[in-house]
PDB file of all heavy atoms in Angstrom:
ATOM      1  N   SER A   1      34.786  25.959 157.236  1.00  0.00           N
ATOM      2  CA  SER A   1      33.368  25.766 156.922  1.00  0.00           C
ATOM      3  C   SER A   1      32.502  26.387 158.007  1.00  0.00           C
ATOM      4  O   SER A   1      32.900  26.502 159.161  1.00  0.00           O
ATOM      5  CB  SER A   1      33.059  24.279 156.777  1.00  0.00           C
ATOM      6  OG  SER A   1      33.307  23.632 157.986  1.00  0.00           O
ATOM      7  N   THR A   2      31.289  26.761 157.610  1.00  0.00           N
ATOM      8  CA  THR A   2      30.347  27.341 158.561  1.00  0.00           C
ATOM      9  C   THR A   2      29.633  26.209 159.286  1.00  0.00           C
ATOM     10  O   THR A   2      29.632  25.069 158.823  1.00  0.00           O
ATOM     11  CB  THR A   2      29.317  28.217 157.813  1.00  0.00           C
ATOM     12  OG1 THR A   2      28.578  27.372 156.946  1.00  0.00           O
ATOM     13  CG2 THR A   2      30.007  29.325 157.034  1.00  0.00           C
ATOM     14  N   PRO A   3      28.979  26.512 160.402  1.00  0.00           N
ATOM     15  CA  PRO A   3      28.295  25.445 161.146  1.00  0.00           C
ATOM     16  C   PRO A   3      27.171  24.785 160.360  1.00  0.00           C
ATOM     17  O   PRO A   3      26.815  23.658 160.623  1.00  0.00           O
ATOM     18  CB  PRO A   3      27.743  26.156 162.381  1.00  0.00           C
ATOM     19  CG  PRO A   3      28.380  27.480 162.430  1.00  0.00           C
ATOM     20  CD  PRO A   3      28.960  27.778 161.086  1.00  0.00           C
ATOM     21  N   HIS A   4      26.590  25.473 159.373  1.00  0.00           N
ATOM     22  CA  HIS A   4      25.467  24.908 158.625  1.00  0.00           C
ATOM     23  C   HIS A   4      25.911  24.112 157.407  1.00  0.00           C
ATOM     24  O   HIS A   4      25.117  23.432 156.798  1.00  0.00           O
ATOM     25  CB  HIS A   4      24.508  26.013 158.197  1.00  0.00           C
ATOM     26  CG  HIS A   4      23.920  26.750 159.374  1.00  0.00           C
ATOM     27  ND1 HIS A   4      23.030  26.166 160.226  1.00  0.00           N
ATOM     28  CD2 HIS A   4      24.127  28.002 159.834  1.00  0.00           C
ATOM     29  CE1 HIS A   4      22.699  27.036 161.170  1.00  0.00           C
ATOM     30  NE2 HIS A   4      23.350  28.154 160.952  1.00  0.00           N
ATOM     31  N   GLN A   5      27.169  24.206 157.020  1.00  0.00           N
ATOM     32  CA  GLN A   5      27.659  23.476 155.861  1.00  0.00           C
ATOM     33  C   GLN A   5      28.673  22.441 156.318  1.00  0.00           C
ATOM     34  O   GLN A   5      29.633  22.776 156.998  1.00  0.00           O
ATOM     35  CB  GLN A   5      28.325  24.422 154.866  1.00  0.00           C
ATOM     36  CG  GLN A   5      27.365  25.429 154.275  1.00  0.00           C
ATOM     37  CD  GLN A   5      28.103  26.416 153.383  1.00  0.00           C
ATOM     38  OE1 GLN A   5      29.316  26.522 153.439  1.00  0.00           O
ATOM     39  NE2 GLN A   5      27.346  27.134 152.574  1.00  0.00           N
ATOM     40  N   PRO A   6      28.461  21.175 155.952  1.00  0.00           N
ATOM     41  CA  PRO A   6      29.414  20.153 156.379  1.00  0.00           C
ATOM     42  C   PRO A   6      30.751  20.328 155.667  1.00  0.00           C
ATOM     43  O   PRO A   6      30.820  20.762 154.533  1.00  0.00           O
ATOM     44  CB  PRO A   6      28.745  18.837 155.975  1.00  0.00           C
ATOM     45  CG  PRO A   6      27.773  19.214 154.919  1.00  0.00           C
ATOM     46  CD  PRO A   6      27.369  20.639 155.188  1.00  0.00           C
ATOM     47  N   SER A   7      31.765  19.993 156.369  1.00  0.00           N
ATOM     48  CA  SER A   7      33.118  20.075 155.821  1.00  0.00           C
ATOM     49  C   SER A   7      33.328  18.960 154.814  1.00  0.00           C
ATOM     50  O   SER A   7      32.875  17.842 155.015  1.00  0.00           O
ATOM     51  CB  SER A   7      34.120  19.950 156.967  1.00  0.00           C
ATOM     52  OG  SER A   7      35.415  19.821 156.459  1.00  0.00           O
ATOM     53  N   PRO A   8      34.023  19.224 153.692  1.00  0.00           N
ATOM     54  CA  PRO A   8      34.242  18.171 152.694  1.00  0.00           C
ATOM     55  C   PRO A   8      35.268  17.142 153.133  1.00  0.00           C
ATOM     56  O   PRO A   8      35.348  16.076 152.558  1.00  0.00           O
ATOM     57  CB  PRO A   8      34.728  18.942 151.472  1.00  0.00           C
ATOM     58  CG  PRO A   8      35.294  20.204 152.006  1.00  0.00           C
ATOM     59  CD  PRO A   8      34.528  20.508 153.261  1.00  0.00           C
ATOM     60  N   GLU A   9      36.034  17.416 154.159  1.00  0.00           N
ATOM     61  CA  GLU A   9      37.079  16.486 154.570  1.00  0.00           C
ATOM     62  C   GLU A   9      36.567  15.115 154.990  1.00  0.00           C
ATOM     63  O   GLU A   9      37.143  14.111 154.597  1.00  0.00           O
ATOM     64  CB  GLU A   9      37.944  17.075 155.701  1.00  0.00           C
ATOM     65  CG  GLU A   9      38.775  18.264 155.297  1.00  0.00           C
ATOM     66  CD  GLU A   9      38.053  19.569 155.537  1.00  0.00           C
ATOM     67  OE1 GLU A   9      37.099  19.591 156.342  1.00  0.00           O
ATOM     68  OE2 GLU A   9      38.414  20.560 154.908  1.00  0.00           O
ATOM     69  N   PRO A  10      35.489  14.996 155.786  1.00  0.00           N
ATOM     70  CA  PRO A  10      35.051  13.647 156.180  1.00  0.00           C
ATOM     71  C   PRO A  10      34.689  12.777 154.988  1.00  0.00           C
ATOM     72  O   PRO A  10      35.002  11.600 154.966  1.00  0.00           O
ATOM     73  CB  PRO A  10      33.845  13.897 157.076  1.00  0.00           C
ATOM     74  CG  PRO A  10      34.031  15.265 157.600  1.00  0.00           C
ATOM     75  CD  PRO A  10      34.749  16.013 156.499  1.00  0.00           C
ATOM     76  N   GLN A  11      34.044  13.341 153.955  1.00  0.00           N
ATOM     77  CA  GLN A  11      33.682  12.560 152.768  1.00  0.00           C
ATOM     78  C   GLN A  11      34.946  12.065 152.076  1.00  0.00           C
ATOM     79  O   GLN A  11      35.040  10.913 151.697  1.00  0.00           O
ATOM     80  CB  GLN A  11      32.835  13.411 151.812  1.00  0.00           C
ATOM     81  CG  GLN A  11      32.404  12.677 150.566  1.00  0.00           C
ATOM     82  CD  GLN A  11      31.375  11.598 150.839  1.00  0.00           C
ATOM     83  OE1 GLN A  11      30.619  11.693 151.789  1.00  0.00           O
ATOM     84  NE2 GLN A  11      31.361  10.570 150.026  1.00  0.00           N
ATOM     85  N   ALA A  12      35.923  12.920 151.900  1.00  0.00           N
ATOM     86  CA  ALA A  12      37.157  12.526 151.235  1.00  0.00           C
ATOM     87  C   ALA A  12      37.904  11.483 152.065  1.00  0.00           C
ATOM     88  O   ALA A  12      38.453  10.525 151.533  1.00  0.00           O
ATOM     89  CB  ALA A  12      38.036  13.747 151.006  1.00  0.00           C
ATOM     90  N   ARG A  13      37.901  11.646 153.353  1.00  0.00           N
ATOM     91  CA  ARG A  13      38.585  10.694 154.223  1.00  0.00           C
ATOM     92  C   ARG A  13      37.910   9.327 154.152  1.00  0.00           C
ATOM     93  O   ARG A  13      38.556   8.304 154.047  1.00  0.00           O
ATOM     94  CB  ARG A  13      38.573  11.235 155.651  1.00  0.00           C
ATOM     95  CG  ARG A  13      39.504  10.524 156.579  1.00  0.00           C
ATOM     96  CD  ARG A  13      39.559  11.189 157.922  1.00  0.00           C
ATOM     97  NE  ARG A  13      38.285  11.855 158.147  1.00  0.00           N
ATOM     98  CZ  ARG A  13      38.136  12.956 158.860  1.00  0.00           C
ATOM     99  NH1 ARG A  13      39.120  13.510 159.435  1.00  0.00           N
ATOM    100  NH2 ARG A  13      36.980  13.514 159.013  1.00  0.00           N
ATOM    101  N   ARG A  14      36.589   9.315 154.161  1.00  0.00           N
ATOM    102  CA  ARG A  14      35.878   8.045 154.060  1.00  0.00           C
ATOM    103  C   ARG A  14      36.140   7.392 152.712  1.00  0.00           C
ATOM    104  O   ARG A  14      36.313   6.201 152.610  1.00  0.00           O
ATOM    105  CB  ARG A  14      34.374   8.232 154.242  1.00  0.00           C
ATOM    106  CG  ARG A  14      33.957   8.334 155.691  1.00  0.00           C
ATOM    107  CD  ARG A  14      32.487   8.410 155.747  1.00  0.00           C
ATOM    108  NE  ARG A  14      32.131   9.656 155.064  1.00  0.00           N
ATOM    109  CZ  ARG A  14      31.046  10.361 155.288  1.00  0.00           C
ATOM    110  NH1 ARG A  14      30.165   9.957 156.125  1.00  0.00           N
ATOM    111  NH2 ARG A  14      30.806  11.474 154.660  1.00  0.00           N
ATOM    112  N   ALA A  15      36.162   8.172 151.649  1.00  0.00           N
ATOM    113  CA  ALA A  15      36.390   7.616 150.326  1.00  0.00           C
ATOM    114  C   ALA A  15      37.765   6.976 150.231  1.00  0.00           C
ATOM    115  O   ALA A  15      37.935   5.946 149.602  1.00  0.00           O
ATOM    116  CB  ALA A  15      36.244   8.702 149.268  1.00  0.00           C
ATOM    117  N   SER A  16      38.744   7.570 150.869  1.00  0.00           N
ATOM    118  CA  SER A  16      40.091   7.010 150.781  1.00  0.00           C
ATOM    119  C   SER A  16      40.218   5.736 151.613  1.00  0.00           C
ATOM    120  O   SER A  16      41.114   4.938 151.366  1.00  0.00           O
ATOM    121  CB  SER A  16      41.114   8.042 151.237  1.00  0.00           C
ATOM    122  OG  SER A  16      40.931   8.317 152.619  1.00  0.00           O
ATOM    123  N   GLN A  17      39.332   5.532 152.574  1.00  0.00           N
ATOM    124  CA  GLN A  17      39.410   4.352 153.428  1.00  0.00           C
ATOM    125  C   GLN A  17      38.651   3.159 152.840  1.00  0.00           C
ATOM    126  O   GLN A  17      38.812   2.048 153.301  1.00  0.00           O
ATOM    127  CB  GLN A  17      38.854   4.667 154.817  1.00  0.00           C
ATOM    128  CG  GLN A  17      39.692   5.682 155.561  1.00  0.00           C
ATOM    129  CD  GLN A  17      39.007   6.158 156.832  1.00  0.00           C
ATOM    130  OE1 GLN A  17      37.847   5.879 157.059  1.00  0.00           O
ATOM    131  NE2 GLN A  17      39.749   6.875 157.646  1.00  0.00           N
ATOM    132  N   LEU A  18      37.825   3.385 151.822  1.00  0.00           N
ATOM    133  CA  LEU A  18      37.031   2.314 151.236  1.00  0.00           C
ATOM    134  C   LEU A  18      37.819   1.594 150.156  1.00  0.00           C
ATOM    135  O   LEU A  18      38.662   2.197 149.486  1.00  0.00           O
ATOM    136  CB  LEU A  18      35.747   2.881 150.625  1.00  0.00           C
ATOM    137  CG  LEU A  18      34.737   3.443 151.616  1.00  0.00           C
ATOM    138  CD1 LEU A  18      33.594   4.095 150.864  1.00  0.00           C
ATOM    139  CD2 LEU A  18      34.215   2.360 152.531  1.00  0.00           C
ATOM    140  N   PRO A  19      37.537   0.306 149.936  1.00  0.00           N
ATOM    141  CA  PRO A  19      38.158  -0.397 148.811  1.00  0.00           C
ATOM    142  C   PRO A  19      37.748   0.250 147.492  1.00  0.00           C
ATOM    143  O   PRO A  19      36.733   0.941 147.411  1.00  0.00           O
ATOM    144  CB  PRO A  19      37.606  -1.814 148.917  1.00  0.00           C
ATOM    145  CG  PRO A  19      37.058  -1.932 150.292  1.00  0.00           C
ATOM    146  CD  PRO A  19      36.713  -0.551 150.747  1.00  0.00           C
ATOM    147  N   ASP A  20      38.517  -0.007 146.452  1.00  0.00           N
ATOM    148  CA  ASP A  20      38.267   0.620 145.154  1.00  0.00           C
ATOM    149  C   ASP A  20      36.927   0.222 144.547  1.00  0.00           C
ATOM    150  O   ASP A  20      36.337   0.981 143.800  1.00  0.00           O
ATOM    151  CB  ASP A  20      39.391   0.264 144.171  1.00  0.00           C
ATOM    152  CG  ASP A  20      40.693   0.939 144.557  1.00  0.00           C
ATOM    153  OD1 ASP A  20      40.638   1.970 145.258  1.00  0.00           O
ATOM    154  OD2 ASP A  20      41.751   0.425 144.164  1.00  0.00           O
ATOM    155  N   ASP A  21      36.427  -0.986 144.839  1.00  0.00           N
ATOM    156  CA  ASP A  21      35.177  -1.424 144.219  1.00  0.00           C
ATOM    157  C   ASP A  21      33.928  -0.915 144.942  1.00  0.00           C
ATOM    158  O   ASP A  21      32.818  -1.207 144.546  1.00  0.00           O
ATOM    159  CB  ASP A  21      35.124  -2.949 144.118  1.00  0.00           C
ATOM    160  CG  ASP A  21      35.086  -3.621 145.483  1.00  0.00           C
ATOM    161  OD1 ASP A  21      35.523  -3.003 146.471  1.00  0.00           O
ATOM    162  OD2 ASP A  21      34.616  -4.770 145.543  1.00  0.00           O
ATOM    163  N   VAL A  22      34.098  -0.144 146.012  1.00  0.00           N
ATOM    164  CA  VAL A  22      32.964   0.399 146.755  1.00  0.00           C
ATOM    165  C   VAL A  22      32.796   1.858 146.383  1.00  0.00           C
ATOM    166  O   VAL A  22      33.668   2.671 146.658  1.00  0.00           O
ATOM    167  CB  VAL A  22      33.165   0.255 148.282  1.00  0.00           C
ATOM    168  CG1 VAL A  22      31.993   0.869 149.022  1.00  0.00           C
ATOM    169  CG2 VAL A  22      33.348  -1.196 148.656  1.00  0.00           C
ATOM    170  N   PRO A  23      31.672   2.195 145.705  1.00  0.00           N
ATOM    171  CA  PRO A  23      31.471   3.592 145.320  1.00  0.00           C
ATOM    172  C   PRO A  23      31.159   4.460 146.535  1.00  0.00           C
ATOM    173  O   PRO A  23      30.618   3.996 147.529  1.00  0.00           O
ATOM    174  CB  PRO A  23      30.273   3.532 144.376  1.00  0.00           C
ATOM    175  CG  PRO A  23      29.557   2.291 144.750  1.00  0.00           C
ATOM    176  CD  PRO A  23      30.589   1.335 145.265  1.00  0.00           C
ATOM    177  N   VAL A  24      31.508   5.716 146.443  1.00  0.00           N
ATOM    178  CA  VAL A  24      31.239   6.670 147.517  1.00  0.00           C
ATOM    179  C   VAL A  24      29.935   7.375 147.196  1.00  0.00           C
ATOM    180  O   VAL A  24      29.739   7.873 146.091  1.00  0.00           O
ATOM    181  CB  VAL A  24      32.392   7.694 147.636  1.00  0.00           C
ATOM    182  CG1 VAL A  24      32.076   8.712 148.710  1.00  0.00           C
ATOM    183  CG2 VAL A  24      33.690   6.980 147.933  1.00  0.00           C
ATOM    184  N   HIS A  25      29.022   7.376 148.146  1.00  0.00           N
ATOM    185  CA  HIS A  25      27.720   8.017 147.985  1.00  0.00           C
ATOM    186  C   HIS A  25      27.544   9.035 149.096  1.00  0.00           C
ATOM    187  O   HIS A  25      28.206   8.982 150.127  1.00  0.00           O
ATOM    188  CB  HIS A  25      26.583   6.991 148.068  1.00  0.00           C
ATOM    189  CG  HIS A  25      26.633   5.942 147.000  1.00  0.00           C
ATOM    190  ND1 HIS A  25      26.199   6.168 145.731  1.00  0.00           N
ATOM    191  CD2 HIS A  25      27.079   4.665 147.028  1.00  0.00           C
ATOM    192  CE1 HIS A  25      26.370   5.083 145.006  1.00  0.00           C
ATOM    193  NE2 HIS A  25      26.901   4.151 145.778  1.00  0.00           N
ATOM    194  N   ASP A  26      26.603   9.924 148.895  1.00  0.00           N
ATOM    195  CA  ASP A  26      26.271  10.875 149.951  1.00  0.00           C
ATOM    196  C   ASP A  26      25.521  10.195 151.076  1.00  0.00           C
ATOM    197  O   ASP A  26      25.496  10.681 152.188  1.00  0.00           O
ATOM    198  CB  ASP A  26      25.433  12.018 149.386  1.00  0.00           C
ATOM    199  CG  ASP A  26      26.234  12.896 148.446  1.00  0.00           C
ATOM    200  OD1 ASP A  26      27.468  12.951 148.600  1.00  0.00           O
ATOM    201  OD2 ASP A  26      25.629  13.523 147.559  1.00  0.00           O
ATOM    202  N   ASP A  27      24.886   9.078 150.773  1.00  0.00           N
ATOM    203  CA  ASP A  27      24.109   8.347 151.766  1.00  0.00           C
ATOM    204  C   ASP A  27      25.053   7.563 152.672  1.00  0.00           C
ATOM    205  O   ASP A  27      25.729   6.640 152.226  1.00  0.00           O
ATOM    206  CB  ASP A  27      23.156   7.391 151.053  1.00  0.00           C
ATOM    207  CG  ASP A  27      22.287   6.597 152.011  1.00  0.00           C
ATOM    208  OD1 ASP A  27      22.328   6.875 153.230  1.00  0.00           O
ATOM    209  OD2 ASP A  27      21.563   5.704 151.545  1.00  0.00           O
ATOM    210  N   PRO A  28      25.123   7.909 153.951  1.00  0.00           N
ATOM    211  CA  PRO A  28      26.061   7.215 154.831  1.00  0.00           C
ATOM    212  C   PRO A  28      25.683   5.748 155.075  1.00  0.00           C
ATOM    213  O   PRO A  28      26.515   4.956 155.482  1.00  0.00           O
ATOM    214  CB  PRO A  28      25.990   8.011 156.137  1.00  0.00           C
ATOM    215  CG  PRO A  28      24.681   8.698 156.100  1.00  0.00           C
ATOM    216  CD  PRO A  28      24.393   8.949 154.651  1.00  0.00           C
ATOM    217  N   GLU A  29      24.441   5.382 154.781  1.00  0.00           N
ATOM    218  CA  GLU A  29      24.021   4.002 154.974  1.00  0.00           C
ATOM    219  C   GLU A  29      24.408   3.120 153.794  1.00  0.00           C
ATOM    220  O   GLU A  29      24.352   1.912 153.871  1.00  0.00           O
ATOM    221  CB  GLU A  29      22.506   3.936 155.187  1.00  0.00           C
ATOM    222  CG  GLU A  29      22.048   4.637 156.447  1.00  0.00           C
ATOM    223  CD  GLU A  29      22.617   4.003 157.700  1.00  0.00           C
ATOM    224  OE1 GLU A  29      22.669   2.763 157.779  1.00  0.00           O
ATOM    225  OE2 GLU A  29      23.025   4.752 158.600  1.00  0.00           O
ATOM    226  N   ARG A  30      24.761   3.718 152.670  1.00  0.00           N
ATOM    227  CA  ARG A  30      25.082   2.954 151.468  1.00  0.00           C
ATOM    228  C   ARG A  30      26.573   2.629 151.476  1.00  0.00           C
ATOM    229  O   ARG A  30      27.366   3.248 150.804  1.00  0.00           O
ATOM    230  CB  ARG A  30      24.694   3.758 150.231  1.00  0.00           C
ATOM    231  CG  ARG A  30      24.898   3.028 148.938  1.00  0.00           C
ATOM    232  CD  ARG A  30      23.931   1.887 148.826  1.00  0.00           C
ATOM    233  NE  ARG A  30      24.129   1.274 147.507  1.00  0.00           N
ATOM    234  CZ  ARG A  30      24.016   0.006 147.271  1.00  0.00           C
ATOM    235  NH1 ARG A  30      23.682  -0.806 148.223  1.00  0.00           N
ATOM    236  NH2 ARG A  30      24.202  -0.467 146.075  1.00  0.00           N
ATOM    237  N   HIS A  31      26.947   1.634 152.248  1.00  0.00           N
ATOM    238  CA  HIS A  31      28.348   1.258 152.372  1.00  0.00           C
ATOM    239  C   HIS A  31      28.649  -0.067 151.686  1.00  0.00           C
ATOM    240  O   HIS A  31      29.759  -0.548 151.719  1.00  0.00           O
ATOM    241  CB  HIS A  31      28.737   1.170 153.845  1.00  0.00           C
ATOM    242  CG  HIS A  31      27.918   0.167 154.602  1.00  0.00           C
ATOM    243  ND1 HIS A  31      26.670   0.483 155.084  1.00  0.00           N
ATOM    244  CD2 HIS A  31      28.134  -1.124 154.908  1.00  0.00           C
ATOM    245  CE1 HIS A  31      26.162  -0.584 155.678  1.00  0.00           C
ATOM    246  NE2 HIS A  31      27.023  -1.569 155.586  1.00  0.00           N
ATOM    247  N   LEU A  32      27.668  -0.648 151.040  1.00  0.00           N
ATOM    248  CA  LEU A  32      27.845  -1.936 150.383  1.00  0.00           C
ATOM    249  C   LEU A  32      28.207  -1.744 148.914  1.00  0.00           C
ATOM    250  O   LEU A  32      27.815  -0.759 148.296  1.00  0.00           O
ATOM    251  CB  LEU A  32      26.556  -2.756 150.487  1.00  0.00           C
ATOM    252  CG  LEU A  32      26.081  -3.064 151.905  1.00  0.00           C
ATOM    253  CD1 LEU A  32      24.709  -3.697 151.871  1.00  0.00           C
ATOM    254  CD2 LEU A  32      27.072  -3.967 152.602  1.00  0.00           C
ATOM    255  N   PRO A  33      28.920  -2.684 148.339  1.00  0.00           N
ATOM    256  CA  PRO A  33      29.214  -2.602 146.907  1.00  0.00           C
ATOM    257  C   PRO A  33      27.926  -2.660 146.087  1.00  0.00           C
ATOM    258  O   PRO A  33      26.915  -3.190 146.542  1.00  0.00           O
ATOM    259  CB  PRO A  33      30.072  -3.837 146.633  1.00  0.00           C
ATOM    260  CG  PRO A  33      30.465  -4.373 147.951  1.00  0.00           C
ATOM    261  CD  PRO A  33      29.529  -3.838 148.974  1.00  0.00           C
ATOM    262  N   GLU A  34      27.966  -2.122 144.877  1.00  0.00           N
ATOM    263  CA  GLU A  34      26.783  -2.079 144.016  1.00  0.00           C
ATOM    264  C   GLU A  34      26.213  -3.465 143.739  1.00  0.00           C
ATOM    265  O   GLU A  34      25.012  -3.647 143.644  1.00  0.00           O
ATOM    266  CB  GLU A  34      27.122  -1.400 142.684  1.00  0.00           C
ATOM    267  CG  GLU A  34      27.354   0.088 142.799  1.00  0.00           C
ATOM    268  CD  GLU A  34      26.086   0.859 143.130  1.00  0.00           C
ATOM    269  OE1 GLU A  34      24.986   0.406 142.770  1.00  0.00           O
ATOM    270  OE2 GLU A  34      26.210   1.908 143.768  1.00  0.00           O
ATOM    271  N   HIS A  35      27.079  -4.477 143.591  1.00  0.00           N
ATOM    272  CA  HIS A  35      26.595  -5.813 143.253  1.00  0.00           C
ATOM    273  C   HIS A  35      25.944  -6.524 144.444  1.00  0.00           C
ATOM    274  O   HIS A  35      25.360  -7.577 144.290  1.00  0.00           O
ATOM    275  CB  HIS A  35      27.741  -6.671 142.702  1.00  0.00           C
ATOM    276  CG  HIS A  35      28.810  -6.953 143.718  1.00  0.00           C
ATOM    277  ND1 HIS A  35      29.840  -6.062 143.958  1.00  0.00           N
ATOM    278  CD2 HIS A  35      29.001  -7.995 144.555  1.00  0.00           C
ATOM    279  CE1 HIS A  35      30.627  -6.567 144.905  1.00  0.00           C
ATOM    280  NE2 HIS A  35      30.138  -7.731 145.277  1.00  0.00           N
ATOM    281  N   HIS A  36      26.045  -5.938 145.627  1.00  0.00           N
ATOM    282  CA  HIS A  36      25.450  -6.573 146.800  1.00  0.00           C
ATOM    283  C   HIS A  36      24.076  -5.959 147.053  1.00  0.00           C
ATOM    284  O   HIS A  36      23.957  -4.858 147.537  1.00  0.00           O
ATOM    285  CB  HIS A  36      26.338  -6.389 148.021  1.00  0.00           C
ATOM    286  CG  HIS A  36      25.751  -6.984 149.270  1.00  0.00           C
ATOM    287  ND1 HIS A  36      24.955  -8.091 149.266  1.00  0.00           N
ATOM    288  CD2 HIS A  36      25.847  -6.626 150.562  1.00  0.00           C
ATOM    289  CE1 HIS A  36      24.580  -8.388 150.499  1.00  0.00           C
ATOM    290  NE2 HIS A  36      25.104  -7.506 151.296  1.00  0.00           N
TER     291      HIS A  36
END
């Protein structure tokens, strides 16, 4: 990846570390389940 484009690996890594009921969003602050 170029310096101006983020690598897709961190997003995929974070998604694999989250429980199944927690959706993955682009917003790094949105780490809570939808029902919360």
